[in-house]
Protein backbone atom coordinates (compact mmCIF):
# COMPACT_ATOMS: atom_id res chain seq x y z
CA UNK A 1 0.00 0.00 0.00
CA UNK A 2 1.11 3.52 -0.74
CA UNK A 3 -0.32 6.78 0.65
CA UNK A 4 0.33 10.22 -0.83
CA UNK A 5 -0.95 13.70 -0.02
CA UNK A 6 -2.38 15.81 -2.83
CA UNK A 7 -4.40 19.00 -2.45
CA UNK A 8 -7.23 20.89 -4.07
CA UNK A 9 -7.55 24.67 -3.84
CA UNK A 10 -10.98 26.19 -3.29
CA UNK A 11 -12.01 29.62 -1.95
CA UNK A 12 -8.45 30.48 -1.00
CA UNK A 13 -7.86 27.30 1.02
CA UNK A 14 -5.98 24.09 0.22
CA UNK A 15 -7.95 20.98 1.06
CA UNK A 16 -6.11 17.69 1.61
CA UNK A 17 -6.72 14.89 -0.87
CA UNK A 18 -5.39 11.49 0.21
CA UNK A 19 -4.37 9.09 -2.53
CA UNK A 20 -4.25 5.46 -1.39
CA UNK A 21 -2.87 2.94 -3.87
CA UNK A 22 -3.31 -0.79 -3.22
CA UNK A 23 -2.51 -3.97 -5.12
CA UNK A 24 -5.42 -6.41 -5.14
CA UNK A 25 -5.07 -9.72 -7.01
CA UNK A 26 -2.36 -8.27 -9.20
CA UNK A 27 -4.44 -5.21 -10.06
CA UNK A 28 -3.86 -1.64 -8.93
CA UNK A 29 -6.76 0.03 -7.14
CA UNK A 30 -6.68 3.74 -6.28
CA UNK A 31 -8.76 5.49 -3.61
CA UNK A 32 -8.85 9.28 -3.44
CA UNK A 33 -10.30 10.75 -0.26
CA UNK A 34 -11.37 14.38 -0.67
CA UNK A 35 -11.34 15.91 2.83
CA UNK A 36 -13.69 18.84 3.43
CA UNK A 37 -15.15 18.62 -0.07
CA UNK A 38 -18.23 17.31 -1.86
CA UNK A 39 -18.56 16.13 -5.48
CA UNK A 40 -20.11 19.55 -6.20
CA UNK A 41 -16.78 21.22 -5.38
CA UNK A 42 -14.65 19.52 -8.02
CA UNK A 43 -14.48 19.42 -11.79
CA UNK A 44 -15.79 16.08 -13.05
CA UNK A 45 -12.53 15.72 -15.02
CA UNK A 46 -10.75 15.11 -11.70
CA UNK A 47 -12.84 12.02 -10.99
CA UNK A 48 -11.54 8.84 -12.54
CA UNK A 49 -14.12 6.52 -14.15
CA UNK A 50 -12.09 3.55 -12.90
CA UNK A 51 -11.04 4.52 -9.37
CA UNK A 52 -12.73 5.07 -6.00
CA UNK A 53 -13.54 8.66 -5.02
CA UNK A 54 -14.62 9.32 -1.42
CA UNK A 55 -15.92 12.74 -0.33
CA UNK A 56 -16.47 13.79 3.29
CA UNK A 57 -19.29 16.15 2.33
CA UNK A 58 -22.56 15.10 0.65
CA UNK A 59 -23.64 16.17 -2.81
CA UNK A 60 -26.67 18.39 -3.38
CA UNK A 61 -27.80 16.01 -6.11
CA UNK A 62 -29.34 12.67 -5.19
CA UNK A 63 -26.92 9.85 -5.97
CA UNK A 64 -29.06 6.95 -7.16
CA UNK A 65 -26.07 4.70 -7.83
CA UNK A 66 -22.61 4.67 -6.35
CA UNK A 67 -21.13 3.45 -9.61
CA UNK A 68 -19.15 6.03 -11.53
CA UNK A 69 -17.96 5.74 -15.11
CA UNK A 70 -16.72 2.40 -16.46
CA UNK A 71 -15.91 0.71 -13.17
CA UNK A 72 -15.44 3.53 -10.67
CA UNK A 73 -17.08 4.12 -7.32
CA UNK A 74 -18.30 7.43 -5.88
CA UNK A 75 -18.96 7.62 -2.13
CA UNK A 76 -20.28 10.64 -0.21
CA UNK A 77 -22.75 9.13 2.26
CA UNK A 78 -22.94 6.69 5.18
CA UNK A 79 -22.53 3.01 4.43
CA UNK A 80 -20.31 0.08 3.52
CA UNK A 81 -18.86 -0.23 0.04
CA UNK A 82 -16.55 -2.63 -1.80
CA UNK A 83 -14.68 -2.64 -5.09
CA UNK A 84 -12.25 -5.35 -6.17
CA UNK A 85 -11.28 -6.26 -2.60
CA UNK A 86 -11.03 -2.68 -1.32
CA UNK A 87 -13.52 -2.10 1.52
CA UNK A 88 -14.83 1.35 2.48
CA UNK A 89 -16.85 2.09 5.63
CA UNK A 90 -18.16 5.61 6.24
CA UNK A 91 -19.86 7.23 9.24
CA UNK A 92 -21.28 10.59 10.20
CA UNK A 93 -21.04 10.91 13.99
CA UNK A 94 -22.21 14.45 14.64
CA UNK A 95 -25.92 15.19 14.27
CA UNK A 96 -25.10 18.87 13.68
CA UNK A 97 -22.80 18.13 10.73
CA UNK A 98 -25.68 17.42 8.29
CA UNK A 99 -24.30 14.21 6.85
CA UNK A 100 -20.61 15.12 6.82
CA UNK A 101 -18.51 11.95 7.01
CA UNK A 102 -16.02 12.28 9.86
CA UNK A 103 -14.96 8.62 10.26
CA UNK A 104 -13.91 6.73 7.13
CA UNK A 105 -12.17 3.37 7.02
CA UNK A 106 -10.33 1.98 4.00
CA UNK A 107 -9.17 -1.63 4.16
CA UNK A 108 -6.95 -3.25 1.52
CA UNK A 109 -3.93 -5.54 1.40
CA UNK A 110 -4.66 -6.54 5.00
CA UNK A 111 -4.07 -2.94 6.15
CA UNK A 112 -6.69 -0.77 7.83
CA UNK A 113 -6.50 2.97 7.26
CA UNK A 114 -8.77 5.17 9.37
CA UNK A 115 -9.56 8.77 8.45
CA UNK A 116 -10.84 10.66 11.49
CA UNK A 117 -12.07 14.27 11.41
CA UNK A 118 -14.67 14.41 14.17
CA UNK A 119 -14.31 17.53 16.29
CA UNK A 120 -16.55 16.08 19.00
CA UNK A 121 -15.17 13.38 21.31
CA UNK A 122 -16.43 10.00 20.16
CA UNK A 123 -17.41 7.19 22.48
CA UNK A 124 -15.10 4.23 22.96
CA UNK A 125 -17.73 1.93 21.43
CA UNK A 126 -17.50 3.76 18.10
CA UNK A 127 -13.90 2.66 17.64
CA UNK A 128 -14.48 -0.84 19.02
CA UNK A 129 -16.98 -1.39 16.21
CA UNK A 130 -14.38 -0.37 13.66
CA UNK A 131 -11.60 -2.56 15.05
CA UNK A 132 -7.92 -1.74 15.24
CA UNK A 133 -6.57 0.86 12.83
CA UNK A 134 -3.04 0.33 11.58
CA UNK A 135 -2.76 3.81 10.08
CA UNK A 136 -4.65 6.87 11.36
CA UNK A 137 -5.06 9.86 9.07
CA UNK A 138 -6.11 12.58 11.50
CA UNK A 139 -7.79 15.60 9.91
CA UNK A 140 -6.81 18.12 12.58
CA UNK A 141 -9.60 20.53 13.55
CA UNK A 142 -9.01 24.08 14.92
CA UNK A 143 -9.97 22.85 18.41
CA UNK A 144 -8.33 19.41 18.43
CA UNK A 145 -8.58 18.74 22.17
CA UNK A 146 -11.33 16.13 21.79
CA UNK A 147 -9.45 14.49 18.94
CA UNK A 148 -6.45 14.01 21.23
CA UNK A 149 -8.66 12.36 23.85
CA UNK A 150 -10.04 9.94 21.25
CA UNK A 151 -6.54 8.83 20.22
CA UNK A 152 -6.38 6.58 23.27
CA UNK A 153 -9.17 4.46 21.80
CA UNK A 154 -7.71 4.30 18.28
CA UNK A 155 -4.13 3.45 19.32
CA UNK A 156 -2.70 3.47 15.76
CA UNK A 157 0.73 2.23 14.78
CA UNK A 158 1.15 5.08 12.29
CA UNK A 159 -0.22 8.62 12.76
CA UNK A 160 -0.57 10.96 9.77
CA UNK A 161 -1.99 14.43 10.54
CA UNK A 162 -3.47 16.53 7.71
CA UNK A 163 -5.56 19.69 7.70
CA UNK A 164 -6.82 22.55 5.56
CA UNK A 165 -6.03 24.73 8.60
CA UNK A 166 -2.23 25.18 8.57
CA UNK A 167 -2.27 26.94 11.95
CA UNK A 168 -4.08 24.07 13.65
CA UNK A 169 -1.69 21.58 12.06
CA UNK A 170 1.38 23.45 13.36
CA UNK A 171 -0.11 23.65 16.88
CA UNK A 172 -0.87 19.93 16.78
CA UNK A 173 2.70 19.04 15.80
CA UNK A 174 3.98 21.18 18.67
CA UNK A 175 1.76 19.61 21.34
CA UNK A 176 1.36 15.92 20.45
CA UNK A 177 4.79 14.83 21.70
CA UNK A 178 5.65 12.59 18.74
CA UNK A 179 8.55 12.96 16.32
CA UNK A 180 7.37 13.06 12.71
CA UNK A 181 9.31 11.94 9.65
CA UNK A 182 8.76 13.77 6.34
CA UNK A 183 7.92 11.71 3.27
CA UNK A 184 6.31 12.30 -0.10
CA UNK A 185 5.11 8.69 -0.40
CA UNK A 186 4.41 6.41 2.55
CA UNK A 187 4.69 2.70 1.72
CA UNK A 188 3.72 -0.20 3.97
CA UNK A 189 3.02 -3.94 3.93
CA UNK A 190 0.68 -5.83 6.23
CA UNK A 191 3.59 -7.77 7.76
CA UNK A 192 4.86 -4.53 9.29
CA UNK A 193 1.82 -4.32 11.58
CA UNK A 194 2.05 -7.72 13.27
CA UNK A 195 3.86 -6.61 16.45
CA UNK A 196 1.77 -6.60 19.64
CA UNK A 197 3.93 -3.92 21.24
CA UNK A 198 4.95 -0.83 19.31
CA UNK A 199 5.68 2.87 19.47
CA UNK A 200 3.46 5.16 17.43
CA UNK A 201 5.26 6.24 14.27
CA UNK A 202 4.61 9.81 13.19
CA UNK A 203 4.50 10.46 9.44
CA UNK A 204 4.25 13.93 7.89
CA UNK A 205 3.10 13.71 4.28
CA UNK A 206 4.70 16.41 2.14
C-alpha atoms as a PDB file:
ATOM      1  CA  UNK A   1       0.000   0.000   0.000  1.00  0.00           C
ATOM      2  CA  UNK A   2       1.105   3.516  -0.738  1.00  0.00           C
ATOM      3  CA  UNK A   3      -0.322   6.776   0.646  1.00  0.00           C
ATOM      4  CA  UNK A   4       0.335  10.222  -0.832  1.00  0.00           C
ATOM      5  CA  UNK A   5      -0.952  13.699  -0.021  1.00  0.00           C
ATOM      6  CA  UNK A   6      -2.382  15.808  -2.831  1.00  0.00           C
ATOM      7  CA  UNK A   7      -4.396  18.999  -2.450  1.00  0.00           C
ATOM      8  CA  UNK A   8      -7.232  20.886  -4.071  1.00  0.00           C
ATOM      9  CA  UNK A   9      -7.554  24.674  -3.839  1.00  0.00           C
ATOM     10  CA  UNK A  10     -10.980  26.186  -3.292  1.00  0.00           C
ATOM     11  CA  UNK A  11     -12.015  29.616  -1.952  1.00  0.00           C
ATOM     12  CA  UNK A  12      -8.453  30.479  -1.000  1.00  0.00           C
ATOM     13  CA  UNK A  13      -7.863  27.298   1.017  1.00  0.00           C
ATOM     14  CA  UNK A  14      -5.984  24.092   0.219  1.00  0.00           C
ATOM     15  CA  UNK A  15      -7.954  20.978   1.060  1.00  0.00           C
ATOM     16  CA  UNK A  16      -6.112  17.693   1.609  1.00  0.00           C
ATOM     17  CA  UNK A  17      -6.718  14.889  -0.869  1.00  0.00           C
ATOM     18  CA  UNK A  18      -5.390  11.490   0.210  1.00  0.00           C
ATOM     19  CA  UNK A  19      -4.368   9.091  -2.533  1.00  0.00           C
ATOM     20  CA  UNK A  20      -4.253   5.462  -1.391  1.00  0.00           C
ATOM     21  CA  UNK A  21      -2.870   2.941  -3.871  1.00  0.00           C
ATOM     22  CA  UNK A  22      -3.312  -0.786  -3.216  1.00  0.00           C
ATOM     23  CA  UNK A  23      -2.515  -3.970  -5.119  1.00  0.00           C
ATOM     24  CA  UNK A  24      -5.416  -6.410  -5.136  1.00  0.00           C
ATOM     25  CA  UNK A  25      -5.073  -9.720  -7.008  1.00  0.00           C
ATOM     26  CA  UNK A  26      -2.357  -8.266  -9.202  1.00  0.00           C
ATOM     27  CA  UNK A  27      -4.442  -5.214 -10.061  1.00  0.00           C
ATOM     28  CA  UNK A  28      -3.860  -1.640  -8.925  1.00  0.00           C
ATOM     29  CA  UNK A  29      -6.757   0.028  -7.137  1.00  0.00           C
ATOM     30  CA  UNK A  30      -6.683   3.743  -6.284  1.00  0.00           C
ATOM     31  CA  UNK A  31      -8.764   5.491  -3.609  1.00  0.00           C
ATOM     32  CA  UNK A  32      -8.852   9.283  -3.442  1.00  0.00           C
ATOM     33  CA  UNK A  33     -10.296  10.746  -0.257  1.00  0.00           C
ATOM     34  CA  UNK A  34     -11.367  14.382  -0.671  1.00  0.00           C
ATOM     35  CA  UNK A  35     -11.344  15.909   2.828  1.00  0.00           C
ATOM     36  CA  UNK A  36     -13.689  18.842   3.429  1.00  0.00           C
ATOM     37  CA  UNK A  37     -15.151  18.625  -0.074  1.00  0.00           C
ATOM     38  CA  UNK A  38     -18.230  17.307  -1.864  1.00  0.00           C
ATOM     39  CA  UNK A  39     -18.561  16.132  -5.483  1.00  0.00           C
ATOM     40  CA  UNK A  40     -20.112  19.551  -6.201  1.00  0.00           C
ATOM     41  CA  UNK A  41     -16.779  21.222  -5.382  1.00  0.00           C
ATOM     42  CA  UNK A  42     -14.647  19.517  -8.018  1.00  0.00           C
ATOM     43  CA  UNK A  43     -14.476  19.416 -11.792  1.00  0.00           C
ATOM     44  CA  UNK A  44     -15.787  16.085 -13.049  1.00  0.00           C
ATOM     45  CA  UNK A  45     -12.533  15.717 -15.020  1.00  0.00           C
ATOM     46  CA  UNK A  46     -10.751  15.113 -11.701  1.00  0.00           C
ATOM     47  CA  UNK A  47     -12.842  12.025 -10.989  1.00  0.00           C
ATOM     48  CA  UNK A  48     -11.535   8.837 -12.545  1.00  0.00           C
ATOM     49  CA  UNK A  49     -14.117   6.515 -14.145  1.00  0.00           C
ATOM     50  CA  UNK A  50     -12.087   3.547 -12.904  1.00  0.00           C
ATOM     51  CA  UNK A  51     -11.036   4.518  -9.367  1.00  0.00           C
ATOM     52  CA  UNK A  52     -12.727   5.069  -6.001  1.00  0.00           C
ATOM     53  CA  UNK A  53     -13.541   8.664  -5.022  1.00  0.00           C
ATOM     54  CA  UNK A  54     -14.625   9.323  -1.420  1.00  0.00           C
ATOM     55  CA  UNK A  55     -15.923  12.740  -0.332  1.00  0.00           C
ATOM     56  CA  UNK A  56     -16.470  13.785   3.290  1.00  0.00           C
ATOM     57  CA  UNK A  57     -19.293  16.155   2.329  1.00  0.00           C
ATOM     58  CA  UNK A  58     -22.562  15.103   0.649  1.00  0.00           C
ATOM     59  CA  UNK A  59     -23.636  16.172  -2.811  1.00  0.00           C
ATOM     60  CA  UNK A  60     -26.669  18.388  -3.380  1.00  0.00           C
ATOM     61  CA  UNK A  61     -27.804  16.006  -6.107  1.00  0.00           C
ATOM     62  CA  UNK A  62     -29.344  12.666  -5.192  1.00  0.00           C
ATOM     63  CA  UNK A  63     -26.919   9.852  -5.969  1.00  0.00           C
ATOM     64  CA  UNK A  64     -29.056   6.952  -7.157  1.00  0.00           C
ATOM     65  CA  UNK A  65     -26.072   4.701  -7.829  1.00  0.00           C
ATOM     66  CA  UNK A  66     -22.606   4.673  -6.349  1.00  0.00           C
ATOM     67  CA  UNK A  67     -21.135   3.453  -9.612  1.00  0.00           C
ATOM     68  CA  UNK A  68     -19.149   6.034 -11.527  1.00  0.00           C
ATOM     69  CA  UNK A  69     -17.956   5.737 -15.115  1.00  0.00           C
ATOM     70  CA  UNK A  70     -16.724   2.397 -16.463  1.00  0.00           C
ATOM     71  CA  UNK A  71     -15.910   0.709 -13.166  1.00  0.00           C
ATOM     72  CA  UNK A  72     -15.437   3.534 -10.667  1.00  0.00           C
ATOM     73  CA  UNK A  73     -17.078   4.118  -7.317  1.00  0.00           C
ATOM     74  CA  UNK A  74     -18.301   7.429  -5.879  1.00  0.00           C
ATOM     75  CA  UNK A  75     -18.962   7.618  -2.125  1.00  0.00           C
ATOM     76  CA  UNK A  76     -20.279  10.640  -0.208  1.00  0.00           C
ATOM     77  CA  UNK A  77     -22.748   9.133   2.264  1.00  0.00           C
ATOM     78  CA  UNK A  78     -22.941   6.686   5.176  1.00  0.00           C
ATOM     79  CA  UNK A  79     -22.533   3.009   4.432  1.00  0.00           C
ATOM     80  CA  UNK A  80     -20.308   0.083   3.523  1.00  0.00           C
ATOM     81  CA  UNK A  81     -18.859  -0.235   0.039  1.00  0.00           C
ATOM     82  CA  UNK A  82     -16.552  -2.631  -1.805  1.00  0.00           C
ATOM     83  CA  UNK A  83     -14.680  -2.641  -5.088  1.00  0.00           C
ATOM     84  CA  UNK A  84     -12.245  -5.347  -6.166  1.00  0.00           C
ATOM     85  CA  UNK A  85     -11.282  -6.263  -2.598  1.00  0.00           C
ATOM     86  CA  UNK A  86     -11.034  -2.685  -1.316  1.00  0.00           C
ATOM     87  CA  UNK A  87     -13.521  -2.104   1.521  1.00  0.00           C
ATOM     88  CA  UNK A  88     -14.828   1.350   2.484  1.00  0.00           C
ATOM     89  CA  UNK A  89     -16.847   2.092   5.634  1.00  0.00           C
ATOM     90  CA  UNK A  90     -18.156   5.613   6.242  1.00  0.00           C
ATOM     91  CA  UNK A  91     -19.856   7.226   9.240  1.00  0.00           C
ATOM     92  CA  UNK A  92     -21.281  10.595  10.202  1.00  0.00           C
ATOM     93  CA  UNK A  93     -21.045  10.909  13.991  1.00  0.00           C
ATOM     94  CA  UNK A  94     -22.207  14.447  14.640  1.00  0.00           C
ATOM     95  CA  UNK A  95     -25.920  15.194  14.270  1.00  0.00           C
ATOM     96  CA  UNK A  96     -25.096  18.867  13.679  1.00  0.00           C
ATOM     97  CA  UNK A  97     -22.802  18.128  10.732  1.00  0.00           C
ATOM     98  CA  UNK A  98     -25.676  17.425   8.290  1.00  0.00           C
ATOM     99  CA  UNK A  99     -24.304  14.211   6.847  1.00  0.00           C
ATOM    100  CA  UNK A 100     -20.608  15.120   6.820  1.00  0.00           C
ATOM    101  CA  UNK A 101     -18.506  11.947   7.007  1.00  0.00           C
ATOM    102  CA  UNK A 102     -16.023  12.280   9.855  1.00  0.00           C
ATOM    103  CA  UNK A 103     -14.956   8.625  10.261  1.00  0.00           C
ATOM    104  CA  UNK A 104     -13.910   6.731   7.132  1.00  0.00           C
ATOM    105  CA  UNK A 105     -12.169   3.369   7.021  1.00  0.00           C
ATOM    106  CA  UNK A 106     -10.329   1.979   4.002  1.00  0.00           C
ATOM    107  CA  UNK A 107      -9.172  -1.626   4.164  1.00  0.00           C
ATOM    108  CA  UNK A 108      -6.951  -3.249   1.518  1.00  0.00           C
ATOM    109  CA  UNK A 109      -3.928  -5.536   1.400  1.00  0.00           C
ATOM    110  CA  UNK A 110      -4.658  -6.538   4.998  1.00  0.00           C
ATOM    111  CA  UNK A 111      -4.067  -2.942   6.148  1.00  0.00           C
ATOM    112  CA  UNK A 112      -6.690  -0.768   7.834  1.00  0.00           C
ATOM    113  CA  UNK A 113      -6.500   2.971   7.259  1.00  0.00           C
ATOM    114  CA  UNK A 114      -8.768   5.169   9.371  1.00  0.00           C
ATOM    115  CA  UNK A 115      -9.561   8.772   8.451  1.00  0.00           C
ATOM    116  CA  UNK A 116     -10.842  10.661  11.493  1.00  0.00           C
ATOM    117  CA  UNK A 117     -12.072  14.271  11.406  1.00  0.00           C
ATOM    118  CA  UNK A 118     -14.673  14.413  14.172  1.00  0.00           C
ATOM    119  CA  UNK A 119     -14.308  17.526  16.293  1.00  0.00           C
ATOM    120  CA  UNK A 120     -16.553  16.079  19.005  1.00  0.00           C
ATOM    121  CA  UNK A 121     -15.168  13.383  21.313  1.00  0.00           C
ATOM    122  CA  UNK A 122     -16.434  10.003  20.160  1.00  0.00           C
ATOM    123  CA  UNK A 123     -17.408   7.190  22.481  1.00  0.00           C
ATOM    124  CA  UNK A 124     -15.104   4.227  22.961  1.00  0.00           C
ATOM    125  CA  UNK A 125     -17.732   1.928  21.432  1.00  0.00           C
ATOM    126  CA  UNK A 126     -17.503   3.759  18.099  1.00  0.00           C
ATOM    127  CA  UNK A 127     -13.900   2.662  17.644  1.00  0.00           C
ATOM    128  CA  UNK A 128     -14.483  -0.836  19.017  1.00  0.00           C
ATOM    129  CA  UNK A 129     -16.980  -1.395  16.211  1.00  0.00           C
ATOM    130  CA  UNK A 130     -14.379  -0.367  13.655  1.00  0.00           C
ATOM    131  CA  UNK A 131     -11.605  -2.558  15.050  1.00  0.00           C
ATOM    132  CA  UNK A 132      -7.915  -1.742  15.240  1.00  0.00           C
ATOM    133  CA  UNK A 133      -6.565   0.862  12.828  1.00  0.00           C
ATOM    134  CA  UNK A 134      -3.037   0.332  11.581  1.00  0.00           C
ATOM    135  CA  UNK A 135      -2.764   3.810  10.079  1.00  0.00           C
ATOM    136  CA  UNK A 136      -4.649   6.867  11.363  1.00  0.00           C
ATOM    137  CA  UNK A 137      -5.056   9.861   9.068  1.00  0.00           C
ATOM    138  CA  UNK A 138      -6.107  12.582  11.496  1.00  0.00           C
ATOM    139  CA  UNK A 139      -7.790  15.598   9.906  1.00  0.00           C
ATOM    140  CA  UNK A 140      -6.810  18.115  12.577  1.00  0.00           C
ATOM    141  CA  UNK A 141      -9.598  20.528  13.547  1.00  0.00           C
ATOM    142  CA  UNK A 142      -9.008  24.078  14.924  1.00  0.00           C
ATOM    143  CA  UNK A 143      -9.969  22.850  18.408  1.00  0.00           C
ATOM    144  CA  UNK A 144      -8.334  19.407  18.426  1.00  0.00           C
ATOM    145  CA  UNK A 145      -8.577  18.736  22.167  1.00  0.00           C
ATOM    146  CA  UNK A 146     -11.334  16.134  21.790  1.00  0.00           C
ATOM    147  CA  UNK A 147      -9.446  14.485  18.938  1.00  0.00           C
ATOM    148  CA  UNK A 148      -6.447  14.010  21.227  1.00  0.00           C
ATOM    149  CA  UNK A 149      -8.663  12.364  23.845  1.00  0.00           C
ATOM    150  CA  UNK A 150     -10.043   9.943  21.249  1.00  0.00           C
ATOM    151  CA  UNK A 151      -6.544   8.829  20.224  1.00  0.00           C
ATOM    152  CA  UNK A 152      -6.381   6.577  23.272  1.00  0.00           C
ATOM    153  CA  UNK A 153      -9.168   4.457  21.797  1.00  0.00           C
ATOM    154  CA  UNK A 154      -7.715   4.296  18.284  1.00  0.00           C
ATOM    155  CA  UNK A 155      -4.133   3.451  19.324  1.00  0.00           C
ATOM    156  CA  UNK A 156      -2.697   3.472  15.759  1.00  0.00           C
ATOM    157  CA  UNK A 157       0.731   2.230  14.781  1.00  0.00           C
ATOM    158  CA  UNK A 158       1.153   5.082  12.294  1.00  0.00           C
ATOM    159  CA  UNK A 159      -0.216   8.619  12.762  1.00  0.00           C
ATOM    160  CA  UNK A 160      -0.574  10.965   9.766  1.00  0.00           C
ATOM    161  CA  UNK A 161      -1.986  14.427  10.545  1.00  0.00           C
ATOM    162  CA  UNK A 162      -3.465  16.528   7.711  1.00  0.00           C
ATOM    163  CA  UNK A 163      -5.563  19.686   7.702  1.00  0.00           C
ATOM    164  CA  UNK A 164      -6.823  22.551   5.555  1.00  0.00           C
ATOM    165  CA  UNK A 165      -6.031  24.726   8.604  1.00  0.00           C
ATOM    166  CA  UNK A 166      -2.234  25.177   8.569  1.00  0.00           C
ATOM    167  CA  UNK A 167      -2.269  26.944  11.947  1.00  0.00           C
ATOM    168  CA  UNK A 168      -4.078  24.066  13.653  1.00  0.00           C
ATOM    169  CA  UNK A 169      -1.688  21.582  12.059  1.00  0.00           C
ATOM    170  CA  UNK A 170       1.376  23.446  13.360  1.00  0.00           C
ATOM    171  CA  UNK A 171      -0.107  23.652  16.876  1.00  0.00           C
ATOM    172  CA  UNK A 172      -0.871  19.934  16.783  1.00  0.00           C
ATOM    173  CA  UNK A 173       2.703  19.041  15.800  1.00  0.00           C
ATOM    174  CA  UNK A 174       3.979  21.184  18.669  1.00  0.00           C
ATOM    175  CA  UNK A 175       1.758  19.608  21.337  1.00  0.00           C
ATOM    176  CA  UNK A 176       1.359  15.919  20.448  1.00  0.00           C
ATOM    177  CA  UNK A 177       4.794  14.833  21.700  1.00  0.00           C
ATOM    178  CA  UNK A 178       5.645  12.587  18.743  1.00  0.00           C
ATOM    179  CA  UNK A 179       8.553  12.956  16.322  1.00  0.00           C
ATOM    180  CA  UNK A 180       7.370  13.062  12.708  1.00  0.00           C
ATOM    181  CA  UNK A 181       9.307  11.942   9.646  1.00  0.00           C
ATOM    182  CA  UNK A 182       8.763  13.766   6.345  1.00  0.00           C
ATOM    183  CA  UNK A 183       7.924  11.714   3.273  1.00  0.00           C
ATOM    184  CA  UNK A 184       6.307  12.298  -0.101  1.00  0.00           C
ATOM    185  CA  UNK A 185       5.111   8.692  -0.396  1.00  0.00           C
ATOM    186  CA  UNK A 186       4.414   6.405   2.545  1.00  0.00           C
ATOM    187  CA  UNK A 187       4.686   2.696   1.721  1.00  0.00           C
ATOM    188  CA  UNK A 188       3.715  -0.201   3.967  1.00  0.00           C
ATOM    189  CA  UNK A 189       3.023  -3.940   3.935  1.00  0.00           C
ATOM    190  CA  UNK A 190       0.675  -5.832   6.227  1.00  0.00           C
ATOM    191  CA  UNK A 191       3.593  -7.772   7.760  1.00  0.00           C
ATOM    192  CA  UNK A 192       4.864  -4.528   9.290  1.00  0.00           C
ATOM    193  CA  UNK A 193       1.819  -4.320  11.581  1.00  0.00           C
ATOM    194  CA  UNK A 194       2.051  -7.717  13.268  1.00  0.00           C
ATOM    195  CA  UNK A 195       3.860  -6.608  16.455  1.00  0.00           C
ATOM    196  CA  UNK A 196       1.766  -6.604  19.638  1.00  0.00           C
ATOM    197  CA  UNK A 197       3.932  -3.917  21.238  1.00  0.00           C
ATOM    198  CA  UNK A 198       4.950  -0.835  19.312  1.00  0.00           C
ATOM    199  CA  UNK A 199       5.684   2.875  19.467  1.00  0.00           C
ATOM    200  CA  UNK A 200       3.462   5.161  17.426  1.00  0.00           C
ATOM    201  CA  UNK A 201       5.260   6.238  14.271  1.00  0.00           C
ATOM    202  CA  UNK A 202       4.610   9.812  13.186  1.00  0.00           C
ATOM    203  CA  UNK A 203       4.504  10.463   9.442  1.00  0.00           C
ATOM    204  CA  UNK A 204       4.248  13.930   7.889  1.00  0.00           C
ATOM    205  CA  UNK A 205       3.096  13.706   4.277  1.00  0.00           C
ATOM    206  CA  UNK A 206       4.701  16.413   2.140  1.00  0.00           C
END
